[in-house]
Amino acid sequence: MMSLSFAALITLTACGGKSTDLILPGGVPAMTDLHQASTLPPDSVRTVARRDYGWRLIYHPARAPANAEQGAARALCGLESRRPARIENIPRIDAYADPGAQIIDIYCA
């Protein structure tokens, strides 16, 4: 009887809430399409990641409009109802990994 109850408990636990119900730090729903939320053209965005200070964005500037960094910073910080404080260009360690891509850190206030 004990093993049957344990099996039932495991089965019910597996049917719990979906991972899309999770919330990222800053109150952003996990199901948010961060590439789209960055407001950059889809073919220019490589990676959007939430960090403690704000956001890290890897994108191709040649495929993005002018002032793309500022627009992405406003959009991503805006997801958390915050404003962009600063944008830092991060040097590429391996420039051959994704030629032309740029890494920026967006700090939100």
PDB file of N, CA and C in Angstrom:
ATOM      1  N   MET A   1       0.820  -1.194   0.000  1.00  0.00           N
ATOM      2  CA  MET A   1       0.000   0.000   0.000  1.00  0.00           C
ATOM      3  C   MET A   1       0.864   1.257   0.000  1.00  0.00           C
ATOM      4  N   MET A   2       1.972   1.222   0.774  1.00  0.00           N
ATOM      5  CA  MET A   2       2.848   2.382   0.865  1.00  0.00           C
ATOM      6  C   MET A   2       3.451   2.712  -0.495  1.00  0.00           C
ATOM      7  N   SER A   3       3.889   1.699  -1.253  1.00  0.00           N
ATOM      8  CA  SER A   3       4.513   1.957  -2.551  1.00  0.00           C
ATOM      9  C   SER A   3       3.495   2.492  -3.553  1.00  0.00           C
ATOM     10  N   LEU A   4       2.233   2.078  -3.444  1.00  0.00           N
ATOM     11  CA  LEU A   4       1.187   2.587  -4.328  1.00  0.00           C
ATOM     12  C   LEU A   4       0.925   4.063  -4.040  1.00  0.00           C
ATOM     13  N   SER A   5       0.893   4.451  -2.773  1.00  0.00           N
ATOM     14  CA  SER A   5       0.697   5.855  -2.408  1.00  0.00           C
ATOM     15  C   SER A   5       1.868   6.710  -2.875  1.00  0.00           C
ATOM     16  N   PHE A   6       3.070   6.177  -2.734  1.00  0.00           N
ATOM     17  CA  PHE A   6       4.253   6.905  -3.182  1.00  0.00           C
ATOM     18  C   PHE A   6       4.224   7.107  -4.696  1.00  0.00           C
ATOM     19  N   ALA A   7       3.835   6.075  -5.421  1.00  0.00           N
ATOM     20  CA  ALA A   7       3.743   6.171  -6.882  1.00  0.00           C
ATOM     21  C   ALA A   7       2.690   7.197  -7.284  1.00  0.00           C
ATOM     22  N   ALA A   8       1.578   7.230  -6.575  1.00  0.00           N
ATOM     23  CA  ALA A   8       0.530   8.211  -6.870  1.00  0.00           C
ATOM     24  C   ALA A   8       1.027   9.627  -6.596  1.00  0.00           C
ATOM     25  N   LEU A   9       1.764   9.802  -5.506  1.00  0.00           N
ATOM     26  CA  LEU A   9       2.311  11.114  -5.175  1.00  0.00           C
ATOM     27  C   LEU A   9       3.285  11.591  -6.253  1.00  0.00           C
ATOM     28  N   ILE A  10       4.155  10.709  -6.706  1.00  0.00           N
ATOM     29  CA  ILE A  10       5.116  11.059  -7.757  1.00  0.00           C
ATOM     30  C   ILE A  10       4.374  11.431  -9.039  1.00  0.00           C
ATOM     31  N   THR A  11       3.351  10.693  -9.387  1.00  0.00           N
ATOM     32  CA  THR A  11       2.576  10.973 -10.599  1.00  0.00           C
ATOM     33  C   THR A  11       1.893  12.326 -10.508  1.00  0.00           C
ATOM     34  N   LEU A  12       1.288  12.632  -9.372  1.00  0.00           N
ATOM     35  CA  LEU A  12       0.607  13.915  -9.209  1.00  0.00           C
ATOM     36  C   LEU A  12       1.588  15.082  -9.200  1.00  0.00           C
ATOM     37  N   THR A  13       2.751  14.869  -8.625  1.00  0.00           N
ATOM     38  CA  THR A  13       3.769  15.916  -8.601  1.00  0.00           C
ATOM     39  C   THR A  13       4.242  16.234 -10.013  1.00  0.00           C
ATOM     40  N   ALA A  14       4.367  15.226 -10.840  1.00  0.00           N
ATOM     41  CA  ALA A  14       4.814  15.419 -12.221  1.00  0.00           C
ATOM     42  C   ALA A  14       3.801  16.208 -13.040  1.00  0.00           C
ATOM     43  N   CYS A  15       2.560  16.227 -12.614  1.00  0.00           N
ATOM     44  CA  CYS A  15       1.510  16.942 -13.338  1.00  0.00           C
ATOM     45  C   CYS A  15       1.341  18.372 -12.840  1.00  0.00           C
ATOM     46  N   GLY A  16       2.275  18.866 -12.068  1.00  0.00           N
ATOM     47  CA  GLY A  16       2.177  20.206 -11.483  1.00  0.00           C
ATOM     48  C   GLY A  16       2.263  21.304 -12.515  1.00  0.00           C
ATOM     49  N   GLY A  17       2.489  22.520 -12.041  1.00  0.00           N
ATOM     50  CA  GLY A  17       2.537  23.694 -12.905  1.00  0.00           C
ATOM     51  C   GLY A  17       3.619  23.605 -13.967  1.00  0.00           C
ATOM     52  N   LYS A  18       3.375  24.247 -15.079  1.00  0.00           N
ATOM     53  CA  LYS A  18       4.322  24.246 -16.185  1.00  0.00           C
ATOM     54  C   LYS A  18       5.455  25.221 -15.893  1.00  0.00           C
ATOM     55  N   SER A  19       6.587  25.001 -16.555  1.00  0.00           N
ATOM     56  CA  SER A  19       7.722  25.895 -16.355  1.00  0.00           C
ATOM     57  C   SER A  19       7.425  27.298 -16.881  1.00  0.00           C
ATOM     58  N   THR A  20       6.422  27.440 -17.757  1.00  0.00           N
ATOM     59  CA  THR A  20       6.066  28.765 -18.271  1.00  0.00           C
ATOM     60  C   THR A  20       5.398  29.613 -17.206  1.00  0.00           C
ATOM     61  N   ASP A  21       5.040  29.012 -16.070  1.00  0.00           N
ATOM     62  CA  ASP A  21       4.446  29.769 -14.972  1.00  0.00           C
ATOM     63  C   ASP A  21       5.519  30.446 -14.123  1.00  0.00           C
ATOM     64  N   LEU A  22       6.772  30.156 -14.382  1.00  0.00           N
ATOM     65  CA  LEU A  22       7.861  30.704 -13.587  1.00  0.00           C
ATOM     66  C   LEU A  22       8.093  32.171 -13.920  1.00  0.00           C
ATOM     67  N   ILE A  23       8.663  32.874 -12.959  1.00  0.00           N
ATOM     68  CA  ILE A  23       8.964  34.294 -13.120  1.00  0.00           C
ATOM     69  C   ILE A  23      10.479  34.483 -13.020  1.00  0.00           C
ATOM     70  N   LEU A  24      11.054  35.180 -13.994  1.00  0.00           N
ATOM     71  CA  LEU A  24      12.480  35.508 -13.957  1.00  0.00           C
ATOM     72  C   LEU A  24      12.720  36.601 -12.925  1.00  0.00           C
ATOM     73  N   PRO A  25      13.957  36.769 -12.477  1.00  0.00           N
ATOM     74  CA  PRO A  25      14.255  37.897 -11.591  1.00  0.00           C
ATOM     75  C   PRO A  25      13.810  39.199 -12.254  1.00  0.00           C
ATOM     76  N   GLY A  26      13.268  40.091 -11.474  1.00  0.00           N
ATOM     77  CA  GLY A  26      12.765  41.346 -12.018  1.00  0.00           C
ATOM     78  C   GLY A  26      11.288  41.289 -12.358  1.00  0.00           C
ATOM     79  N   GLY A  27      10.663  40.112 -12.188  1.00  0.00           N
ATOM     80  CA  GLY A  27       9.233  39.990 -12.428  1.00  0.00           C
ATOM     81  C   GLY A  27       8.842  39.707 -13.865  1.00  0.00           C
ATOM     82  N   VAL A  28       9.782  39.303 -14.703  1.00  0.00           N
ATOM     83  CA  VAL A  28       9.494  39.015 -16.108  1.00  0.00           C
ATOM     84  C   VAL A  28       9.028  37.569 -16.225  1.00  0.00           C
ATOM     85  N   PRO A  29       7.835  37.317 -16.804  1.00  0.00           N
ATOM     86  CA  PRO A  29       7.376  35.933 -16.974  1.00  0.00           C
ATOM     87  C   PRO A  29       8.363  35.133 -17.826  1.00  0.00           C
ATOM     88  N   ALA A  30       8.619  33.893 -17.427  1.00  0.00           N
ATOM     89  CA  ALA A  30       9.588  33.051 -18.130  1.00  0.00           C
ATOM     90  C   ALA A  30       9.174  32.781 -19.570  1.00  0.00           C
ATOM     91  N   MET A  31       7.896  32.863 -19.867  1.00  0.00           N
ATOM     92  CA  MET A  31       7.444  32.574 -21.231  1.00  0.00           C
ATOM     93  C   MET A  31       7.628  33.768 -22.175  1.00  0.00           C
ATOM     94  N   THR A  32       8.154  34.882 -21.696  1.00  0.00           N
ATOM     95  CA  THR A  32       8.378  36.068 -22.523  1.00  0.00           C
ATOM     96  C   THR A  32       9.413  35.766 -23.600  1.00  0.00           C
ATOM     97  N   ASP A  33       9.114  36.113 -24.834  1.00  0.00           N
ATOM     98  CA  ASP A  33      10.062  35.967 -25.935  1.00  0.00           C
ATOM     99  C   ASP A  33      11.037  37.139 -25.860  1.00  0.00           C
ATOM    100  N   LEU A  34      12.187  36.920 -25.239  1.00  0.00           N
ATOM    101  CA  LEU A  34      13.145  37.996 -24.996  1.00  0.00           C
ATOM    102  C   LEU A  34      13.760  38.528 -26.284  1.00  0.00           C
ATOM    103  N   HIS A  35      13.930  37.661 -27.290  1.00  0.00           N
ATOM    104  CA  HIS A  35      14.448  38.137 -28.572  1.00  0.00           C
ATOM    105  C   HIS A  35      13.494  39.169 -29.163  1.00  0.00           C
ATOM    106  N   GLN A  36      12.211  38.862 -29.132  1.00  0.00           N
ATOM    107  CA  GLN A  36      11.208  39.789 -29.658  1.00  0.00           C
ATOM    108  C   GLN A  36      11.097  41.021 -28.763  1.00  0.00           C
ATOM    109  N   ALA A  37      11.174  40.830 -27.467  1.00  0.00           N
ATOM    110  CA  ALA A  37      11.042  41.945 -26.521  1.00  0.00           C
ATOM    111  C   ALA A  37      12.177  42.957 -26.662  1.00  0.00           C
ATOM    112  N   SER A  38      13.322  42.533 -27.202  1.00  0.00           N
ATOM    113  CA  SER A  38      14.456  43.448 -27.365  1.00  0.00           C
ATOM    114  C   SER A  38      14.190  44.517 -28.418  1.00  0.00           C
ATOM    115  N   THR A  39      13.172  44.344 -29.225  1.00  0.00           N
ATOM    116  CA  THR A  39      12.769  45.226 -30.337  1.00  0.00           C
ATOM    117  C   THR A  39      13.768  45.235 -31.488  1.00  0.00           C
ATOM    118  N   LEU A  40      14.768  44.369 -31.457  1.00  0.00           N
ATOM    119  CA  LEU A  40      15.727  44.280 -32.554  1.00  0.00           C
ATOM    120  C   LEU A  40      15.190  43.345 -33.633  1.00  0.00           C
ATOM    121  N   PRO A  41      15.624  43.517 -34.884  1.00  0.00           N
ATOM    122  CA  PRO A  41      15.213  42.586 -35.933  1.00  0.00           C
ATOM    123  C   PRO A  41      15.641  41.162 -35.573  1.00  0.00           C
ATOM    124  N   PRO A  42      14.795  40.174 -35.842  1.00  0.00           N
ATOM    125  CA  PRO A  42      15.096  38.792 -35.445  1.00  0.00           C
ATOM    126  C   PRO A  42      16.442  38.269 -35.944  1.00  0.00           C
ATOM    127  N   ASP A  43      16.850  38.646 -37.152  1.00  0.00           N
ATOM    128  CA  ASP A  43      18.113  38.114 -37.672  1.00  0.00           C
ATOM    129  C   ASP A  43      19.346  38.781 -37.067  1.00  0.00           C
ATOM    130  N   SER A  44      19.154  39.823 -36.261  1.00  0.00           N
ATOM    131  CA  SER A  44      20.304  40.483 -35.634  1.00  0.00           C
ATOM    132  C   SER A  44      20.579  39.971 -34.222  1.00  0.00           C
ATOM    133  N   VAL A  45      19.582  39.399 -33.564  1.00  0.00           N
ATOM    134  CA  VAL A  45      19.720  38.971 -32.162  1.00  0.00           C
ATOM    135  C   VAL A  45      20.274  37.555 -32.081  1.00  0.00           C
ATOM    136  N   ARG A  46      21.299  37.385 -31.258  1.00  0.00           N
ATOM    137  CA  ARG A  46      21.852  36.055 -30.998  1.00  0.00           C
ATOM    138  C   ARG A  46      21.416  35.544 -29.629  1.00  0.00           C
ATOM    139  N   THR A  47      21.608  36.346 -28.585  1.00  0.00           N
ATOM    140  CA  THR A  47      21.302  35.919 -27.222  1.00  0.00           C
ATOM    141  C   THR A  47      20.800  37.099 -26.406  1.00  0.00           C
ATOM    142  N   VAL A  48      19.772  36.845 -25.603  1.00  0.00           N
ATOM    143  CA  VAL A  48      19.298  37.809 -24.610  1.00  0.00           C
ATOM    144  C   VAL A  48      19.243  37.050 -23.294  1.00  0.00           C
ATOM    145  N   ALA A  49      19.949  37.541 -22.285  1.00  0.00           N
ATOM    146  CA  ALA A  49      20.000  36.841 -20.999  1.00  0.00           C
ATOM    147  C   ALA A  49      19.795  37.819 -19.851  1.00  0.00           C
ATOM    148  N   ARG A  50      19.003  37.410 -18.877  1.00  0.00           N
ATOM    149  CA  ARG A  50      18.760  38.206 -17.671  1.00  0.00           C
ATOM    150  C   ARG A  50      19.931  38.008 -16.727  1.00  0.00           C
ATOM    151  N   ARG A  51      20.478  39.094 -16.209  1.00  0.00           N
ATOM    152  CA  ARG A  51      21.585  39.070 -15.250  1.00  0.00           C
ATOM    153  C   ARG A  51      21.181  39.856 -14.011  1.00  0.00           C
ATOM    154  N   ASP A  52      21.959  39.754 -12.940  1.00  0.00           N
ATOM    155  CA  ASP A  52      21.649  40.487 -11.705  1.00  0.00           C
ATOM    156  C   ASP A  52      21.586  41.992 -11.926  1.00  0.00           C
ATOM    157  N   TYR A  53      22.440  42.520 -12.769  1.00  0.00           N
ATOM    158  CA  TYR A  53      22.513  43.962 -13.012  1.00  0.00           C
ATOM    159  C   TYR A  53      21.523  44.444 -14.062  1.00  0.00           C
ATOM    160  N   GLY A  54      20.986  43.533 -14.847  1.00  0.00           N
ATOM    161  CA  GLY A  54      20.096  43.909 -15.948  1.00  0.00           C
ATOM    162  C   GLY A  54      20.082  42.830 -17.014  1.00  0.00           C
ATOM    163  N   TRP A  55      20.673  43.121 -18.183  1.00  0.00           N
ATOM    164  CA  TRP A  55      20.593  42.213 -19.321  1.00  0.00           C
ATOM    165  C   TRP A  55      21.924  42.122 -20.055  1.00  0.00           C
ATOM    166  N   ARG A  56      22.198  40.965 -20.649  1.00  0.00           N
ATOM    167  CA  ARG A  56      23.317  40.804 -21.578  1.00  0.00           C
ATOM    168  C   ARG A  56      22.702  40.501 -22.940  1.00  0.00           C
ATOM    169  N   LEU A  57      23.184  41.216 -23.934  1.00  0.00           N
ATOM    170  CA  LEU A  57      22.665  41.086 -25.290  1.00  0.00           C
ATOM    171  C   LEU A  57      23.827  40.830 -26.238  1.00  0.00           C
ATOM    172  N   ILE A  58      23.698  39.787 -27.044  1.00  0.00           N
ATOM    173  CA  ILE A  58      24.653  39.522 -28.118  1.00  0.00           C
ATOM    174  C   ILE A  58      23.882  39.693 -29.416  1.00  0.00           C
ATOM    175  N   TYR A  59      24.375  40.585 -30.262  1.00  0.00           N
ATOM    176  CA  TYR A  59      23.663  40.875 -31.505  1.00  0.00           C
ATOM    177  C   TYR A  59      24.642  41.300 -32.593  1.00  0.00           C
ATOM    178  N   HIS A  60      24.134  41.380 -33.815  1.00  0.00           N
ATOM    179  CA  HIS A  60      24.914  41.838 -34.964  1.00  0.00           C
ATOM    180  C   HIS A  60      24.523  43.271 -35.286  1.00  0.00           C
ATOM    181  N   PRO A  61      25.374  44.248 -34.964  1.00  0.00           N
ATOM    182  CA  PRO A  61      25.046  45.653 -35.230  1.00  0.00           C
ATOM    183  C   PRO A  61      24.785  45.942 -36.706  1.00  0.00           C
ATOM    184  N   ALA A  62      25.462  45.225 -37.602  1.00  0.00           N
ATOM    185  CA  ALA A  62      25.281  45.469 -39.034  1.00  0.00           C
ATOM    186  C   ALA A  62      23.871  45.114 -39.499  1.00  0.00           C
ATOM    187  N   ARG A  63      23.188  44.260 -38.760  1.00  0.00           N
ATOM    188  CA  ARG A  63      21.832  43.837 -39.121  1.00  0.00           C
ATOM    189  C   ARG A  63      20.763  44.560 -38.309  1.00  0.00           C
ATOM    190  N   ALA A  64      21.176  45.526 -37.515  1.00  0.00           N
ATOM    191  CA  ALA A  64      20.251  46.252 -36.630  1.00  0.00           C
ATOM    192  C   ALA A  64      20.186  47.722 -37.050  1.00  0.00           C
ATOM    193  N   PRO A  65      19.094  48.393 -36.715  1.00  0.00           N
ATOM    194  CA  PRO A  65      18.976  49.815 -37.062  1.00  0.00           C
ATOM    195  C   PRO A  65      19.899  50.685 -36.201  1.00  0.00           C
ATOM    196  N   ALA A  66      20.031  51.929 -36.603  1.00  0.00           N
ATOM    197  CA  ALA A  66      20.813  52.892 -35.814  1.00  0.00           C
ATOM    198  C   ALA A  66      20.205  53.009 -34.421  1.00  0.00           C
ATOM    199  N   ASN A  67      21.028  53.240 -33.431  1.00  0.00           N
ATOM    200  CA  ASN A  67      20.603  53.368 -32.027  1.00  0.00           C
ATOM    201  C   ASN A  67      19.923  52.106 -31.493  1.00  0.00           C
ATOM    202  N   ALA A  68      20.291  50.955 -32.055  1.00  0.00           N
ATOM    203  CA  ALA A  68      19.676  49.697 -31.629  1.00  0.00           C
ATOM    204  C   ALA A  68      19.951  49.391 -30.163  1.00  0.00           C
ATOM    205  N   GLU A  69      21.152  49.709 -29.690  1.00  0.00           N
ATOM    206  CA  GLU A  69      21.504  49.436 -28.295  1.00  0.00           C
ATOM    207  C   GLU A  69      20.577  50.180 -27.342  1.00  0.00           C
ATOM    208  N   GLN A  70      20.350  51.457 -27.608  1.00  0.00           N
ATOM    209  CA  GLN A  70      19.493  52.263 -26.730  1.00  0.00           C
ATOM    210  C   GLN A  70      18.050  51.757 -26.764  1.00  0.00           C
ATOM    211  N   GLY A  71      17.578  51.406 -27.945  1.00  0.00           N
ATOM    212  CA  GLY A  71      16.213  50.884 -28.061  1.00  0.00           C
ATOM    213  C   GLY A  71      16.038  49.573 -27.321  1.00  0.00           C
ATOM    214  N   ALA A  72      17.016  48.678 -27.473  1.00  0.00           N
ATOM    215  CA  ALA A  72      16.957  47.395 -26.771  1.00  0.00           C
ATOM    216  C   ALA A  72      17.038  47.600 -25.266  1.00  0.00           C
ATOM    217  N   ALA A  73      17.886  48.525 -24.823  1.00  0.00           N
ATOM    218  CA  ALA A  73      18.017  48.805 -23.386  1.00  0.00           C
ATOM    219  C   ALA A  73      16.699  49.317 -22.813  1.00  0.00           C
ATOM    220  N   ARG A  74      16.063  50.252 -23.513  1.00  0.00           N
ATOM    221  CA  ARG A  74      14.766  50.767 -23.037  1.00  0.00           C
ATOM    222  C   ARG A  74      13.723  49.656 -22.976  1.00  0.00           C
ATOM    223  N   ALA A  75      13.688  48.824 -24.008  1.00  0.00           N
ATOM    224  CA  ALA A  75      12.687  47.758 -24.066  1.00  0.00           C
ATOM    225  C   ALA A  75      12.915  46.705 -22.985  1.00  0.00           C
ATOM    226  N   LEU A  76      14.156  46.248 -22.825  1.00  0.00           N
ATOM    227  CA  LEU A  76      14.431  45.183 -21.859  1.00  0.00           C
ATOM    228  C   LEU A  76      14.306  45.673 -20.421  1.00  0.00           C
ATOM    229  N   CYS A  77      14.840  46.845 -20.105  1.00  0.00           N
ATOM    230  CA  CYS A  77      14.672  47.385 -18.748  1.00  0.00           C
ATOM    231  C   CYS A  77      13.197  47.687 -18.490  1.00  0.00           C
ATOM    232  N   GLY A  78      12.489  48.087 -19.536  1.00  0.00           N
ATOM    233  CA  GLY A  78      11.063  48.371 -19.405  1.00  0.00           C
ATOM    234  C   GLY A  78      10.238  47.156 -19.017  1.00  0.00           C
ATOM    235  N   LEU A  79      10.709  45.948 -19.347  1.00  0.00           N
ATOM    236  CA  LEU A  79      10.002  44.733 -18.928  1.00  0.00           C
ATOM    237  C   LEU A  79       9.887  44.661 -17.413  1.00  0.00           C
ATOM    238  N   GLU A  80      10.843  45.284 -16.727  1.00  0.00           N
ATOM    239  CA  GLU A  80      10.882  45.278 -15.265  1.00  0.00           C
ATOM    240  C   GLU A  80      10.442  46.618 -14.684  1.00  0.00           C
ATOM    241  N   SER A  81       9.862  47.459 -15.530  1.00  0.00           N
ATOM    242  CA  SER A  81       9.446  48.813 -15.117  1.00  0.00           C
ATOM    243  C   SER A  81      10.621  49.603 -14.554  1.00  0.00           C
ATOM    244  N   ARG A  82      11.781  49.428 -15.187  1.00  0.00           N
ATOM    245  CA  ARG A  82      12.971  50.181 -14.802  1.00  0.00           C
ATOM    246  C   ARG A  82      13.487  50.919 -16.032  1.00  0.00           C
ATOM    247  N   ARG A  83      14.451  51.796 -15.826  1.00  0.00           N
ATOM    248  CA  ARG A  83      15.034  52.534 -16.946  1.00  0.00           C
ATOM    249  C   ARG A  83      16.486  52.100 -17.118  1.00  0.00           C
ATOM    250  N   PRO A  84      17.021  52.231 -18.326  1.00  0.00           N
ATOM    251  CA  PRO A  84      18.435  51.896 -18.522  1.00  0.00           C
ATOM    252  C   PRO A  84      19.339  52.912 -17.832  1.00  0.00           C
ATOM    253  N   ALA A  85      20.330  52.435 -17.108  1.00  0.00           N
ATOM    254  CA  ALA A  85      21.291  53.314 -16.437  1.00  0.00           C
ATOM    255  C   ALA A  85      22.536  53.494 -17.298  1.00  0.00           C
ATOM    256  N   ARG A  86      23.037  52.387 -17.866  1.00  0.00           N
ATOM    257  CA  ARG A  86      24.199  52.480 -18.748  1.00  0.00           C
ATOM    258  C   ARG A  86      24.298  51.218 -19.601  1.00  0.00           C
ATOM    259  N   ILE A  87      25.060  51.359 -20.679  1.00  0.00           N
ATOM    260  CA  ILE A  87      25.320  50.254 -21.597  1.00  0.00           C
ATOM    261  C   ILE A  87      26.832  50.119 -21.720  1.00  0.00           C
ATOM    262  N   GLU A  88      27.334  48.907 -21.521  1.00  0.00           N
ATOM    263  CA  GLU A  88      28.774  48.658 -21.629  1.00  0.00           C
ATOM    264  C   GLU A  88      29.049  47.661 -22.742  1.00  0.00           C
ATOM    265  N   ASN A  89      30.009  47.990 -23.599  1.00  0.00           N
ATOM    266  CA  ASN A  89      30.472  47.044 -24.615  1.00  0.00           C
ATOM    267  C   ASN A  89      31.441  46.077 -23.960  1.00  0.00           C
ATOM    268  N   ILE A  90      31.234  44.793 -24.177  1.00  0.00           N
ATOM    269  CA  ILE A  90      32.066  43.747 -23.596  1.00  0.00           C
ATOM    270  C   ILE A  90      32.969  43.188 -24.697  1.00  0.00           C
ATOM    271  N   PRO A  91      34.284  43.145 -24.467  1.00  0.00           N
ATOM    272  CA  PRO A  91      35.184  42.602 -25.489  1.00  0.00           C
ATOM    273  C   PRO A  91      34.905  41.124 -25.747  1.00  0.00           C
ATOM    274  N   ARG A  92      35.019  40.745 -27.000  1.00  0.00           N
ATOM    275  CA  ARG A  92      34.840  39.340 -27.385  1.00  0.00           C
ATOM    276  C   ARG A  92      36.104  38.562 -27.058  1.00  0.00           C
ATOM    277  N   ILE A  93      35.976  37.439 -26.412  1.00  0.00           N
ATOM    278  CA  ILE A  93      37.122  36.581 -26.109  1.00  0.00           C
ATOM    279  C   ILE A  93      37.523  35.805 -27.363  1.00  0.00           C
ATOM    280  N   ASP A  94      36.516  35.311 -28.084  1.00  0.00           N
ATOM    281  CA  ASP A  94      36.765  34.554 -29.307  1.00  0.00           C
ATOM    282  C   ASP A  94      36.051  35.253 -30.458  1.00  0.00           C
ATOM    283  N   ALA A  95      36.759  36.114 -31.139  1.00  0.00           N
ATOM    284  CA  ALA A  95      36.158  36.901 -32.224  1.00  0.00           C
ATOM    285  C   ALA A  95      35.719  36.040 -33.401  1.00  0.00           C
ATOM    286  N   TYR A  96      36.218  34.817 -33.490  1.00  0.00           N
ATOM    287  CA  TYR A  96      35.869  33.938 -34.605  1.00  0.00           C
ATOM    288  C   TYR A  96      34.619  33.108 -34.336  1.00  0.00           C
ATOM    289  N   ALA A  97      34.107  33.119 -33.116  1.00  0.00           N
ATOM    290  CA  ALA A  97      32.944  32.305 -32.762  1.00  0.00           C
ATOM    291  C   ALA A  97      31.694  32.750 -33.520  1.00  0.00           C
ATOM    292  N   ASP A  98      31.492  34.020 -33.652  1.00  0.00           N
ATOM    293  CA  ASP A  98      30.335  34.574 -34.360  1.00  0.00           C
ATOM    294  C   ASP A  98      30.782  35.913 -34.947  1.00  0.00           C
ATOM    295  N   PRO A  99      31.488  35.880 -36.070  1.00  0.00           N
ATOM    296  CA  PRO A  99      32.076  37.104 -36.627  1.00  0.00           C
ATOM    297  C   PRO A  99      31.052  38.233 -36.793  1.00  0.00           C
ATOM    298  N   GLY A 100      31.426  39.402 -36.326  1.00  0.00           N
ATOM    299  CA  GLY A 100      30.566  40.576 -36.446  1.00  0.00           C
ATOM    300  C   GLY A 100      29.629  40.790 -35.277  1.00  0.00           C
ATOM    301  N   ALA A 101      29.483  39.787 -34.416  1.00  0.00           N
ATOM    302  CA  ALA A 101      28.576  39.926 -33.271  1.00  0.00           C
ATOM    303  C   ALA A 101      29.218  40.792 -32.196  1.00  0.00           C
ATOM    304  N   GLN A 102      28.383  41.493 -31.462  1.00  0.00           N
ATOM    305  CA  GLN A 102      28.837  42.371 -30.385  1.00  0.00           C
ATOM    306  C   GLN A 102      28.109  41.987 -29.101  1.00  0.00           C
ATOM    307  N   ILE A 103      28.814  42.068 -27.976  1.00  0.00           N
ATOM    308  CA  ILE A 103      28.220  41.786 -26.668  1.00  0.00           C
ATOM    309  C   ILE A 103      28.072  43.106 -25.927  1.00  0.00           C
ATOM    310  N   ILE A 104      26.876  43.343 -25.391  1.00  0.00           N
ATOM    311  CA  ILE A 104      26.676  44.520 -24.540  1.00  0.00           C
ATOM    312  C   ILE A 104      25.993  44.093 -23.250  1.00  0.00           C
ATOM    313  N   ASP A 105      26.355  44.762 -22.177  1.00  0.00           N
ATOM    314  CA  ASP A 105      25.670  44.603 -20.899  1.00  0.00           C
ATOM    315  C   ASP A 105      24.825  45.844 -20.680  1.00  0.00           C
ATOM    316  N   ILE A 106      23.566  45.619 -20.362  1.00  0.00           N
ATOM    317  CA  ILE A 106      22.618  46.708 -20.127  1.00  0.00           C
ATOM    318  C   ILE A 106      22.316  46.739 -18.639  1.00  0.00           C
ATOM    319  N   TYR A 107      22.675  47.831 -17.990  1.00  0.00           N
ATOM    320  CA  TYR A 107      22.422  48.009 -16.561  1.00  0.00           C
ATOM    321  C   TYR A 107      21.128  48.796 -16.396  1.00  0.00           C
ATOM    322  N   CYS A 108      20.220  48.256 -15.598  1.00  0.00           N
ATOM    323  CA  CYS A 108      18.932  48.908 -15.355  1.00  0.00           C
ATOM    324  C   CYS A 108      18.929  49.563 -13.978  1.00  0.00           C
ATOM    325  N   ALA A 109      18.255  50.708 -13.866  1.00  0.00           N
ATOM    326  CA  ALA A 109      18.167  51.422 -12.586  1.00  0.00           C
ATOM    327  C   ALA A 109      16.755  51.347 -12.034  1.00  0.00           C
TER     328      ALA A 109
END
